[in-house]
Amino acid sequence: TFATIRANPGATIGVTLASAAVVETISTVVAISTENASTGVRALGTL
């Protein structure tokens, strides 16, 4: 497993970092925008 990561950093770490960055950016924006929202909206923001 670790040998695969070392031999293919772009296709393992690179792809993971790029795709996770998109997901975390959207999740962070949702968390910020629902910080002071109603309970229902905050629950939706958690999903």
ModelCIF file with pLDDT and N, C-alpha, C, O atoms, coordinates in Angstrom:
data_MODEL
#
_entry.id   MODEL 
#
_entity.id                         1 
_entity.type                       polymer 
_entity.pdbx_number_of_molecules   1 
#
_entity_poly.entity_id                      1 
_entity_poly.type                           'polypeptide(L)' 
_entity_poly.nstd_linkage                   no 
_entity_poly.nstd_monomer                   no 
_entity_poly.pdbx_seq_one_letter_code       TFATIRANPGATIGVTLASAAVVETISTVVAISTENASTGVRALGTL 
_entity_poly.pdbx_seq_one_letter_code_can   TFATIRANPGATIGVTLASAAVVETISTVVAISTENASTGVRALGTL 
_entity_poly.pdbx_strand_id                 A 
#
loop_
_entity_poly_seq.entity_id 
_entity_poly_seq.num 
_entity_poly_seq.mon_id 
_entity_poly_seq.hetero 
1 1  THR n 
1 2  PHE n 
1 3  ALA n 
1 4  THR n 
1 5  ILE n 
1 6  ARG n 
1 7  ALA n 
1 8  ASN n 
1 9  PRO n 
1 10 GLY n 
1 11 ALA n 
1 12 THR n 
1 13 ILE n 
1 14 GLY n 
1 15 VAL n 
1 16 THR n 
1 17 LEU n 
1 18 ALA n 
1 19 SER n 
1 20 ALA n 
1 21 ALA n 
1 22 VAL n 
1 23 VAL n 
1 24 GLU n 
1 25 THR n 
1 26 ILE n 
1 27 SER n 
1 28 THR n 
1 29 VAL n 
1 30 VAL n 
1 31 ALA n 
1 32 ILE n 
1 33 SER n 
1 34 THR n 
1 35 GLU n 
1 36 ASN n 
1 37 ALA n 
1 38 SER n 
1 39 THR n 
1 40 GLY n 
1 41 VAL n 
1 42 ARG n 
1 43 ALA n 
1 44 LEU n 
1 45 GLY n 
1 46 THR n 
1 47 LEU n 
#
_struct_asym.id          A 
_struct_asym.entity_id   1 
#
loop_
_ma_qa_metric.id 
_ma_qa_metric.mode 
_ma_qa_metric.name 
_ma_qa_metric.software_group_id 
_ma_qa_metric.type 
1 global pLDDT . pLDDT 
2 local  pLDDT . pLDDT 
#
_ma_qa_metric_global.metric_id      1 
_ma_qa_metric_global.metric_value   88.38 
_ma_qa_metric_global.model_id       1 
_ma_qa_metric_global.ordinal_id     1 
#
loop_
_ma_qa_metric_local.label_asym_id 
_ma_qa_metric_local.label_comp_id 
_ma_qa_metric_local.label_seq_id 
_ma_qa_metric_local.metric_id 
_ma_qa_metric_local.metric_value 
_ma_qa_metric_local.model_id 
_ma_qa_metric_local.ordinal_id 
A THR 1  2 92.00 1 1  
A PHE 2  2 93.00 1 2  
A ALA 3  2 92.00 1 3  
A THR 4  2 93.00 1 4  
A ILE 5  2 93.00 1 5  
A ARG 6  2 92.00 1 6  
A ALA 7  2 91.00 1 7  
A ASN 8  2 92.00 1 8  
A PRO 9  2 92.00 1 9  
A GLY 10 2 93.00 1 10 
A ALA 11 2 91.00 1 11 
A THR 12 2 92.00 1 12 
A ILE 13 2 93.00 1 13 
A GLY 14 2 93.00 1 14 
A VAL 15 2 92.00 1 15 
A THR 16 2 93.00 1 16 
A LEU 17 2 93.00 1 17 
A ALA 18 2 93.00 1 18 
A SER 19 2 91.00 1 19 
A ALA 20 2 92.00 1 20 
A ALA 21 2 93.00 1 21 
A VAL 22 2 92.00 1 22 
A VAL 23 2 91.00 1 23 
A GLU 24 2 90.00 1 24 
A THR 25 2 92.00 1 25 
A ILE 26 2 91.00 1 26 
A SER 27 2 89.00 1 27 
A THR 28 2 89.00 1 28 
A VAL 29 2 89.00 1 29 
A VAL 30 2 88.00 1 30 
A ALA 31 2 85.00 1 31 
A ILE 32 2 86.00 1 32 
A SER 33 2 86.00 1 33 
A THR 34 2 85.00 1 34 
A GLU 35 2 78.00 1 35 
A ASN 36 2 78.00 1 36 
A ALA 37 2 80.00 1 37 
A SER 38 2 82.00 1 38 
A THR 39 2 81.00 1 39 
A GLY 40 2 81.00 1 40 
A VAL 41 2 83.00 1 41 
A ARG 42 2 81.00 1 42 
A ALA 43 2 83.00 1 43 
A LEU 44 2 83.00 1 44 
A GLY 45 2 83.00 1 45 
A THR 46 2 83.00 1 46 
A LEU 47 2 86.00 1 47 
#
loop_
_atom_site.group_PDB 
_atom_site.id 
_atom_site.type_symbol 
_atom_site.label_atom_id 
_atom_site.label_alt_id 
_atom_site.label_comp_id 
_atom_site.label_asym_id 
_atom_site.label_entity_id 
_atom_site.label_seq_id 
_atom_site.pdbx_PDB_ins_code 
_atom_site.Cartn_x 
_atom_site.Cartn_y 
_atom_site.Cartn_z 
_atom_site.occupancy 
_atom_site.B_iso_or_equiv 
_atom_site.pdbx_formal_charge 
_atom_site.auth_seq_id 
_atom_site.auth_comp_id 
_atom_site.auth_asym_id 
_atom_site.auth_atom_id 
_atom_site.pdbx_PDB_model_num 
ATOM 1   N N  . THR A 1 1  ? 0.828   -1.209 0.000  1.00 92.00 ? 1  THR A N  1 
ATOM 2   C CA . THR A 1 1  ? 0.000   0.000  0.000  1.00 92.00 ? 1  THR A CA 1 
ATOM 3   C C  . THR A 1 1  ? 0.858   1.254  0.000  1.00 92.00 ? 1  THR A C  1 
ATOM 4   O O  . THR A 1 1  ? 0.635   2.165  -0.796 1.00 92.00 ? 1  THR A O  1 
ATOM 5   N N  . PHE A 1 2  ? 1.846   1.300  0.898  1.00 93.00 ? 2  PHE A N  1 
ATOM 6   C CA . PHE A 1 2  ? 2.718   2.476  0.954  1.00 93.00 ? 2  PHE A CA 1 
ATOM 7   C C  . PHE A 1 2  ? 3.617   2.560  -0.277 1.00 93.00 ? 2  PHE A C  1 
ATOM 8   O O  . PHE A 1 2  ? 3.951   3.654  -0.731 1.00 93.00 ? 2  PHE A O  1 
ATOM 9   N N  . ALA A 1 3  ? 4.012   1.394  -0.822 1.00 92.00 ? 3  ALA A N  1 
ATOM 10  C CA . ALA A 1 3  ? 4.821   1.399  -2.043 1.00 92.00 ? 3  ALA A CA 1 
ATOM 11  C C  . ALA A 1 3  ? 4.034   1.984  -3.207 1.00 92.00 ? 3  ALA A C  1 
ATOM 12  O O  . ALA A 1 3  ? 4.599   2.683  -4.048 1.00 92.00 ? 3  ALA A O  1 
ATOM 13  N N  . THR A 1 4  ? 2.736   1.704  -3.262 1.00 93.00 ? 4  THR A N  1 
ATOM 14  C CA . THR A 1 4  ? 1.892   2.279  -4.315 1.00 93.00 ? 4  THR A CA 1 
ATOM 15  C C  . THR A 1 4  ? 1.844   3.796  -4.193 1.00 93.00 ? 4  THR A C  1 
ATOM 16  O O  . THR A 1 4  ? 1.917   4.509  -5.194 1.00 93.00 ? 4  THR A O  1 
ATOM 17  N N  . ILE A 1 5  ? 1.724   4.281  -2.974 1.00 93.00 ? 5  ILE A N  1 
ATOM 18  C CA . ILE A 1 5  ? 1.670   5.739  -2.768 1.00 93.00 ? 5  ILE A CA 1 
ATOM 19  C C  . ILE A 1 5  ? 2.985   6.389  -3.176 1.00 93.00 ? 5  ILE A C  1 
ATOM 20  O O  . ILE A 1 5  ? 2.997   7.443  -3.811 1.00 93.00 ? 5  ILE A O  1 
ATOM 21  N N  . ARG A 1 6  ? 4.113   5.740  -2.798 1.00 92.00 ? 6  ARG A N  1 
ATOM 22  C CA . ARG A 1 6  ? 5.421   6.314  -3.160 1.00 92.00 ? 6  ARG A CA 1 
ATOM 23  C C  . ARG A 1 6  ? 5.641   6.300  -4.669 1.00 92.00 ? 6  ARG A C  1 
ATOM 24  O O  . ARG A 1 6  ? 6.200   7.246  -5.223 1.00 92.00 ? 6  ARG A O  1 
ATOM 25  N N  . ALA A 1 7  ? 5.206   5.234  -5.333 1.00 91.00 ? 7  ALA A N  1 
ATOM 26  C CA . ALA A 1 7  ? 5.462   5.104  -6.772 1.00 91.00 ? 7  ALA A CA 1 
ATOM 27  C C  . ALA A 1 7  ? 4.498   5.933  -7.613 1.00 91.00 ? 7  ALA A C  1 
ATOM 28  O O  . ALA A 1 7  ? 4.822   6.299  -8.743 1.00 91.00 ? 7  ALA A O  1 
ATOM 29  N N  . ASN A 1 8  ? 3.321   6.231  -7.077 1.00 92.00 ? 8  ASN A N  1 
ATOM 30  C CA . ASN A 1 8  ? 2.308   6.980  -7.836 1.00 92.00 ? 8  ASN A CA 1 
ATOM 31  C C  . ASN A 1 8  ? 1.758   8.132  -7.007 1.00 92.00 ? 8  ASN A C  1 
ATOM 32  O O  . ASN A 1 8  ? 0.562   8.159  -6.718 1.00 92.00 ? 8  ASN A O  1 
ATOM 33  N N  . PRO A 1 9  ? 2.594   9.076  -6.621 1.00 92.00 ? 9  PRO A N  1 
ATOM 34  C CA . PRO A 1 9  ? 2.102   10.164 -5.754 1.00 92.00 ? 9  PRO A CA 1 
ATOM 35  C C  . PRO A 1 9  ? 1.028   11.003 -6.417 1.00 92.00 ? 9  PRO A C  1 
ATOM 36  O O  . PRO A 1 9  ? 0.109   11.474 -5.746 1.00 92.00 ? 9  PRO A O  1 
ATOM 37  N N  . GLY A 1 10 ? 1.128   11.199 -7.724 1.00 93.00 ? 10 GLY A N  1 
ATOM 38  C CA . GLY A 1 10 ? 0.132   12.020 -8.401 1.00 93.00 ? 10 GLY A CA 1 
ATOM 39  C C  . GLY A 1 10 ? -1.235  11.366 -8.427 1.00 93.00 ? 10 GLY A C  1 
ATOM 40  O O  . GLY A 1 10 ? -2.245  12.025 -8.184 1.00 93.00 ? 10 GLY A O  1 
ATOM 41  N N  . ALA A 1 11 ? -1.275  10.057 -8.723 1.00 91.00 ? 11 ALA A N  1 
ATOM 42  C CA . ALA A 1 11 ? -2.544  9.350  -8.843 1.00 91.00 ? 11 ALA A CA 1 
ATOM 43  C C  . ALA A 1 11 ? -3.110  8.933  -7.495 1.00 91.00 ? 11 ALA A C  1 
ATOM 44  O O  . ALA A 1 11 ? -4.258  8.494  -7.431 1.00 91.00 ? 11 ALA A O  1 
ATOM 45  N N  . THR A 1 12 ? -2.343  9.053  -6.414 1.00 92.00 ? 12 THR A N  1 
ATOM 46  C CA . THR A 1 12 ? -2.848  8.709  -5.082 1.00 92.00 ? 12 THR A CA 1 
ATOM 47  C C  . THR A 1 12 ? -3.026  9.976  -4.249 1.00 92.00 ? 12 THR A C  1 
ATOM 48  O O  . THR A 1 12 ? -4.150  10.423 -4.022 1.00 92.00 ? 12 THR A O  1 
ATOM 49  N N  . ILE A 1 13 ? -1.913  10.551 -3.795 1.00 93.00 ? 13 ILE A N  1 
ATOM 50  C CA . ILE A 1 13 ? -1.980  11.760 -2.976 1.00 93.00 ? 13 ILE A CA 1 
ATOM 51  C C  . ILE A 1 13 ? -2.549  12.929 -3.773 1.00 93.00 ? 13 ILE A C  1 
ATOM 52  O O  . ILE A 1 13 ? -3.374  13.689 -3.266 1.00 93.00 ? 13 ILE A O  1 
ATOM 53  N N  . GLY A 1 14 ? -2.103  13.072 -5.034 1.00 93.00 ? 14 GLY A N  1 
ATOM 54  C CA . GLY A 1 14 ? -2.540  14.205 -5.847 1.00 93.00 ? 14 GLY A CA 1 
ATOM 55  C C  . GLY A 1 14 ? -4.034  14.204 -6.098 1.00 93.00 ? 14 GLY A C  1 
ATOM 56  O O  . GLY A 1 14 ? -4.706  15.213 -5.883 1.00 93.00 ? 14 GLY A O  1 
ATOM 57  N N  . VAL A 1 15 ? -4.568  13.052 -6.561 1.00 92.00 ? 15 VAL A N  1 
ATOM 58  C CA . VAL A 1 15 ? -6.004  12.962 -6.839 1.00 92.00 ? 15 VAL A CA 1 
ATOM 59  C C  . VAL A 1 15 ? -6.805  13.117 -5.552 1.00 92.00 ? 15 VAL A C  1 
ATOM 60  O O  . VAL A 1 15 ? -7.839  13.785 -5.535 1.00 92.00 ? 15 VAL A O  1 
ATOM 61  N N  . THR A 1 16 ? -6.327  12.498 -4.474 1.00 93.00 ? 16 THR A N  1 
ATOM 62  C CA . THR A 1 16 ? -7.033  12.616 -3.193 1.00 93.00 ? 16 THR A CA 1 
ATOM 63  C C  . THR A 1 16 ? -7.058  14.057 -2.709 1.00 93.00 ? 16 THR A C  1 
ATOM 64  O O  . THR A 1 16 ? -8.095  14.560 -2.277 1.00 93.00 ? 16 THR A O  1 
ATOM 65  N N  . LEU A 1 17 ? -5.905  14.718 -2.785 1.00 93.00 ? 17 LEU A N  1 
ATOM 66  C CA . LEU A 1 17 ? -5.826  16.104 -2.323 1.00 93.00 ? 17 LEU A CA 1 
ATOM 67  C C  . LEU A 1 17 ? -6.731  17.015 -3.138 1.00 93.00 ? 17 LEU A C  1 
ATOM 68  O O  . LEU A 1 17 ? -7.442  17.853 -2.582 1.00 93.00 ? 17 LEU A O  1 
ATOM 69  N N  . ALA A 1 18 ? -6.705  16.850 -4.463 1.00 93.00 ? 18 ALA A N  1 
ATOM 70  C CA . ALA A 1 18 ? -7.504  17.729 -5.321 1.00 93.00 ? 18 ALA A CA 1 
ATOM 71  C C  . ALA A 1 18 ? -8.999  17.528 -5.088 1.00 93.00 ? 18 ALA A C  1 
ATOM 72  O O  . ALA A 1 18 ? -9.738  18.499 -4.924 1.00 93.00 ? 18 ALA A O  1 
ATOM 73  N N  . SER A 1 19 ? -9.445  16.274 -5.072 1.00 91.00 ? 19 SER A N  1 
ATOM 74  C CA . SER A 1 19 ? -10.877 16.013 -4.899 1.00 91.00 ? 19 SER A CA 1 
ATOM 75  C C  . SER A 1 19 ? -11.339 16.336 -3.482 1.00 91.00 ? 19 SER A C  1 
ATOM 76  O O  . SER A 1 19 ? -12.435 16.861 -3.286 1.00 91.00 ? 19 SER A O  1 
ATOM 77  N N  . ALA A 1 20 ? -10.494 16.020 -2.487 1.00 92.00 ? 20 ALA A N  1 
ATOM 78  C CA . ALA A 1 20 ? -10.867 16.339 -1.104 1.00 92.00 ? 20 ALA A CA 1 
ATOM 79  C C  . ALA A 1 20 ? -10.908 17.842 -0.879 1.00 92.00 ? 20 ALA A C  1 
ATOM 80  O O  . ALA A 1 20 ? -11.700 18.323 -0.069 1.00 92.00 ? 20 ALA A O  1 
ATOM 81  N N  . ALA A 1 21 ? -10.060 18.595 -1.590 1.00 93.00 ? 21 ALA A N  1 
ATOM 82  C CA . ALA A 1 21 ? -10.069 20.053 -1.457 1.00 93.00 ? 21 ALA A CA 1 
ATOM 83  C C  . ALA A 1 21 ? -11.409 20.628 -1.910 1.00 93.00 ? 21 ALA A C  1 
ATOM 84  O O  . ALA A 1 21 ? -11.939 21.549 -1.288 1.00 93.00 ? 21 ALA A O  1 
ATOM 85  N N  . VAL A 1 22 ? -11.952 20.079 -2.995 1.00 92.00 ? 22 VAL A N  1 
ATOM 86  C CA . VAL A 1 22 ? -13.256 20.546 -3.476 1.00 92.00 ? 22 VAL A CA 1 
ATOM 87  C C  . VAL A 1 22 ? -14.336 20.255 -2.443 1.00 92.00 ? 22 VAL A C  1 
ATOM 88  O O  . VAL A 1 22 ? -15.167 21.110 -2.134 1.00 92.00 ? 22 VAL A O  1 
ATOM 89  N N  . VAL A 1 23 ? -14.310 19.024 -1.910 1.00 91.00 ? 23 VAL A N  1 
ATOM 90  C CA . VAL A 1 23 ? -15.328 18.632 -0.937 1.00 91.00 ? 23 VAL A CA 1 
ATOM 91  C C  . VAL A 1 23 ? -15.218 19.469 0.333  1.00 91.00 ? 23 VAL A C  1 
ATOM 92  O O  . VAL A 1 23 ? -16.230 19.945 0.847  1.00 91.00 ? 23 VAL A O  1 
ATOM 93  N N  . GLU A 1 24 ? -14.014 19.654 0.838  1.00 90.00 ? 24 GLU A N  1 
ATOM 94  C CA . GLU A 1 24 ? -13.838 20.426 2.069  1.00 90.00 ? 24 GLU A CA 1 
ATOM 95  C C  . GLU A 1 24 ? -14.188 21.895 1.880  1.00 90.00 ? 24 GLU A C  1 
ATOM 96  O O  . GLU A 1 24 ? -14.696 22.536 2.800  1.00 90.00 ? 24 GLU A O  1 
ATOM 97  N N  . THR A 1 25 ? -13.921 22.433 0.693  1.00 92.00 ? 25 THR A N  1 
ATOM 98  C CA . THR A 1 25 ? -14.291 23.826 0.423  1.00 92.00 ? 25 THR A CA 1 
ATOM 99  C C  . THR A 1 25 ? -15.802 24.000 0.478  1.00 92.00 ? 25 THR A C  1 
ATOM 100 O O  . THR A 1 25 ? -16.309 24.939 1.091  1.00 92.00 ? 25 THR A O  1 
ATOM 101 N N  . ILE A 1 26 ? -16.522 23.071 -0.179 1.00 91.00 ? 26 ILE A N  1 
ATOM 102 C CA . ILE A 1 26 ? -17.987 23.157 -0.160 1.00 91.00 ? 26 ILE A CA 1 
ATOM 103 C C  . ILE A 1 26 ? -18.514 22.959 1.258  1.00 91.00 ? 26 ILE A C  1 
ATOM 104 O O  . ILE A 1 26 ? -19.413 23.679 1.692  1.00 91.00 ? 26 ILE A O  1 
ATOM 105 N N  . SER A 1 27 ? -17.955 21.981 1.986  1.00 89.00 ? 27 SER A N  1 
ATOM 106 C CA . SER A 1 27 ? -18.410 21.723 3.352  1.00 89.00 ? 27 SER A CA 1 
ATOM 107 C C  . SER A 1 27 ? -18.162 22.916 4.259  1.00 89.00 ? 27 SER A C  1 
ATOM 108 O O  . SER A 1 27 ? -18.992 23.242 5.107  1.00 89.00 ? 27 SER A O  1 
ATOM 109 N N  . THR A 1 28 ? -17.014 23.569 4.079  1.00 89.00 ? 28 THR A N  1 
ATOM 110 C CA . THR A 1 28 ? -16.696 24.736 4.903  1.00 89.00 ? 28 THR A CA 1 
ATOM 111 C C  . THR A 1 28 ? -17.633 25.897 4.608  1.00 89.00 ? 28 THR A C  1 
ATOM 112 O O  . THR A 1 28 ? -18.095 26.578 5.524  1.00 89.00 ? 28 THR A O  1 
ATOM 113 N N  . VAL A 1 29 ? -17.912 26.121 3.332  1.00 89.00 ? 29 VAL A N  1 
ATOM 114 C CA . VAL A 1 29 ? -18.847 27.189 2.953  1.00 89.00 ? 29 VAL A CA 1 
ATOM 115 C C  . VAL A 1 29 ? -20.230 26.917 3.527  1.00 89.00 ? 29 VAL A C  1 
ATOM 116 O O  . VAL A 1 29 ? -20.885 27.831 4.027  1.00 89.00 ? 29 VAL A O  1 
ATOM 117 N N  . VAL A 1 30 ? -20.683 25.661 3.459  1.00 88.00 ? 30 VAL A N  1 
ATOM 118 C CA . VAL A 1 30 ? -21.995 25.303 4.013  1.00 88.00 ? 30 VAL A CA 1 
ATOM 119 C C  . VAL A 1 30 ? -22.009 25.520 5.524  1.00 88.00 ? 30 VAL A C  1 
ATOM 120 O O  . VAL A 1 30 ? -22.979 26.048 6.068  1.00 88.00 ? 30 VAL A O  1 
ATOM 121 N N  . ALA A 1 31 ? -20.926 25.112 6.206  1.00 85.00 ? 31 ALA A N  1 
ATOM 122 C CA . ALA A 1 31 ? -20.868 25.285 7.664  1.00 85.00 ? 31 ALA A CA 1 
ATOM 123 C C  . ALA A 1 31 ? -20.910 26.752 8.062  1.00 85.00 ? 31 ALA A C  1 
ATOM 124 O O  . ALA A 1 31 ? -21.572 27.123 9.031  1.00 85.00 ? 31 ALA A O  1 
ATOM 125 N N  . ILE A 1 32 ? -20.199 27.581 7.307  1.00 86.00 ? 32 ILE A N  1 
ATOM 126 C CA . ILE A 1 32 ? -20.177 29.011 7.616  1.00 86.00 ? 32 ILE A CA 1 
ATOM 127 C C  . ILE A 1 32 ? -21.550 29.645 7.362  1.00 86.00 ? 32 ILE A C  1 
ATOM 128 O O  . ILE A 1 32 ? -22.030 30.448 8.162  1.00 86.00 ? 32 ILE A O  1 
ATOM 129 N N  . SER A 1 33 ? -22.169 29.277 6.243  1.00 86.00 ? 33 SER A N  1 
ATOM 130 C CA . SER A 1 33 ? -23.438 29.899 5.868  1.00 86.00 ? 33 SER A CA 1 
ATOM 131 C C  . SER A 1 33 ? -24.593 29.451 6.760  1.00 86.00 ? 33 SER A C  1 
ATOM 132 O O  . SER A 1 33 ? -25.585 30.172 6.869  1.00 86.00 ? 33 SER A O  1 
ATOM 133 N N  . THR A 1 34 ? -24.500 28.297 7.395  1.00 85.00 ? 34 THR A N  1 
ATOM 134 C CA . THR A 1 34 ? -25.586 27.809 8.258  1.00 85.00 ? 34 THR A CA 1 
ATOM 135 C C  . THR A 1 34 ? -25.290 27.997 9.742  1.00 85.00 ? 34 THR A C  1 
ATOM 136 O O  . THR A 1 34 ? -26.005 27.468 10.593 1.00 85.00 ? 34 THR A O  1 
ATOM 137 N N  . GLU A 1 35 ? -24.238 28.751 10.052 1.00 78.00 ? 35 GLU A N  1 
ATOM 138 C CA . GLU A 1 35 ? -23.817 28.924 11.444 1.00 78.00 ? 35 GLU A CA 1 
ATOM 139 C C  . GLU A 1 35 ? -24.946 29.486 12.303 1.00 78.00 ? 35 GLU A C  1 
ATOM 140 O O  . GLU A 1 35 ? -25.174 29.010 13.415 1.00 78.00 ? 35 GLU A O  1 
ATOM 141 N N  . ASN A 1 36 ? -25.653 30.499 11.795 1.00 78.00 ? 36 ASN A N  1 
ATOM 142 C CA . ASN A 1 36 ? -26.706 31.155 12.572 1.00 78.00 ? 36 ASN A CA 1 
ATOM 143 C C  . ASN A 1 36 ? -28.098 30.887 12.002 1.00 78.00 ? 36 ASN A C  1 
ATOM 144 O O  . ASN A 1 36 ? -29.031 31.647 12.263 1.00 78.00 ? 36 ASN A O  1 
ATOM 145 N N  . ALA A 1 37 ? -28.242 29.826 11.235 1.00 80.00 ? 37 ALA A N  1 
ATOM 146 C CA . ALA A 1 37 ? -29.527 29.512 10.618 1.00 80.00 ? 37 ALA A CA 1 
ATOM 147 C C  . ALA A 1 37 ? -30.413 28.741 11.592 1.00 80.00 ? 37 ALA A C  1 
ATOM 148 O O  . ALA A 1 37 ? -30.012 28.449 12.718 1.00 80.00 ? 37 ALA A O  1 
ATOM 149 N N  . SER A 1 38 ? -31.618 28.419 11.142 1.00 82.00 ? 38 SER A N  1 
ATOM 150 C CA . SER A 1 38 ? -32.547 27.658 11.975 1.00 82.00 ? 38 SER A CA 1 
ATOM 151 C C  . SER A 1 38 ? -32.048 26.225 12.167 1.00 82.00 ? 38 SER A C  1 
ATOM 152 O O  . SER A 1 38 ? -31.107 25.776 11.512 1.00 82.00 ? 38 SER A O  1 
ATOM 153 N N  . THR A 1 39 ? -32.712 25.525 13.090 1.00 81.00 ? 39 THR A N  1 
ATOM 154 C CA . THR A 1 39 ? -32.295 24.154 13.399 1.00 81.00 ? 39 THR A CA 1 
ATOM 155 C C  . THR A 1 39 ? -32.428 23.241 12.184 1.00 81.00 ? 39 THR A C  1 
ATOM 156 O O  . THR A 1 39 ? -31.558 22.407 11.935 1.00 81.00 ? 39 THR A O  1 
ATOM 157 N N  . GLY A 1 40 ? -33.519 23.397 11.426 1.00 81.00 ? 40 GLY A N  1 
ATOM 158 C CA . GLY A 1 40 ? -33.727 22.561 10.247 1.00 81.00 ? 40 GLY A CA 1 
ATOM 159 C C  . GLY A 1 40 ? -32.659 22.790 9.191  1.00 81.00 ? 40 GLY A C  1 
ATOM 160 O O  . GLY A 1 40 ? -32.144 21.845 8.595  1.00 81.00 ? 40 GLY A O  1 
ATOM 161 N N  . VAL A 1 41 ? -32.337 24.050 8.970  1.00 83.00 ? 41 VAL A N  1 
ATOM 162 C CA . VAL A 1 41 ? -31.315 24.366 7.970  1.00 83.00 ? 41 VAL A CA 1 
ATOM 163 C C  . VAL A 1 41 ? -29.955 23.852 8.418  1.00 83.00 ? 41 VAL A C  1 
ATOM 164 O O  . VAL A 1 41 ? -29.178 23.358 7.601  1.00 83.00 ? 41 VAL A O  1 
ATOM 165 N N  . ARG A 1 42 ? -29.665 23.963 9.688  1.00 81.00 ? 42 ARG A N  1 
ATOM 166 C CA . ARG A 1 42 ? -28.382 23.476 10.197 1.00 81.00 ? 42 ARG A CA 1 
ATOM 167 C C  . ARG A 1 42 ? -28.301 21.954 10.085 1.00 81.00 ? 42 ARG A C  1 
ATOM 168 O O  . ARG A 1 42 ? -27.240 21.401 9.795  1.00 81.00 ? 42 ARG A O  1 
ATOM 169 N N  . ALA A 1 43 ? -29.434 21.279 10.320 1.00 83.00 ? 43 ALA A N  1 
ATOM 170 C CA . ALA A 1 43 ? -29.442 19.820 10.156 1.00 83.00 ? 43 ALA A CA 1 
ATOM 171 C C  . ALA A 1 43 ? -29.190 19.442 8.705  1.00 83.00 ? 43 ALA A C  1 
ATOM 172 O O  . ALA A 1 43 ? -28.462 18.492 8.418  1.00 83.00 ? 43 ALA A O  1 
ATOM 173 N N  . LEU A 1 44 ? -29.803 20.198 7.784  1.00 83.00 ? 44 LEU A N  1 
ATOM 174 C CA . LEU A 1 44 ? -29.566 19.954 6.366  1.00 83.00 ? 44 LEU A CA 1 
ATOM 175 C C  . LEU A 1 44 ? -28.107 20.229 6.005  1.00 83.00 ? 44 LEU A C  1 
ATOM 176 O O  . LEU A 1 44 ? -27.501 19.514 5.207  1.00 83.00 ? 44 LEU A O  1 
ATOM 177 N N  . GLY A 1 45 ? -27.559 21.285 6.614  1.00 83.00 ? 45 GLY A N  1 
ATOM 178 C CA . GLY A 1 45 ? -26.156 21.594 6.371  1.00 83.00 ? 45 GLY A CA 1 
ATOM 179 C C  . GLY A 1 45 ? -25.216 20.518 6.884  1.00 83.00 ? 45 GLY A C  1 
ATOM 180 O O  . GLY A 1 45 ? -24.107 20.367 6.373  1.00 83.00 ? 45 GLY A O  1 
ATOM 181 N N  . THR A 1 46 ? -25.652 19.770 7.889  1.00 83.00 ? 46 THR A N  1 
ATOM 182 C CA . THR A 1 46 ? -24.845 18.660 8.396  1.00 83.00 ? 46 THR A CA 1 
ATOM 183 C C  . THR A 1 46 ? -24.880 17.474 7.446  1.00 83.00 ? 46 THR A C  1 
ATOM 184 O O  . THR A 1 46 ? -23.895 16.745 7.327  1.00 83.00 ? 46 THR A O  1 
ATOM 185 N N  . LEU A 1 47 ? -26.008 17.274 6.767  1.00 86.00 ? 47 LEU A N  1 
ATOM 186 C CA . LEU A 1 47 ? -26.124 16.144 5.840  1.00 86.00 ? 47 LEU A CA 1 
ATOM 187 C C  . LEU A 1 47 ? -25.307 16.352 4.569  1.00 86.00 ? 47 LEU A C  1 
ATOM 188 O O  . LEU A 1 47 ? -25.301 15.490 3.691  1.00 86.00 ? 47 LEU A O  1 
#
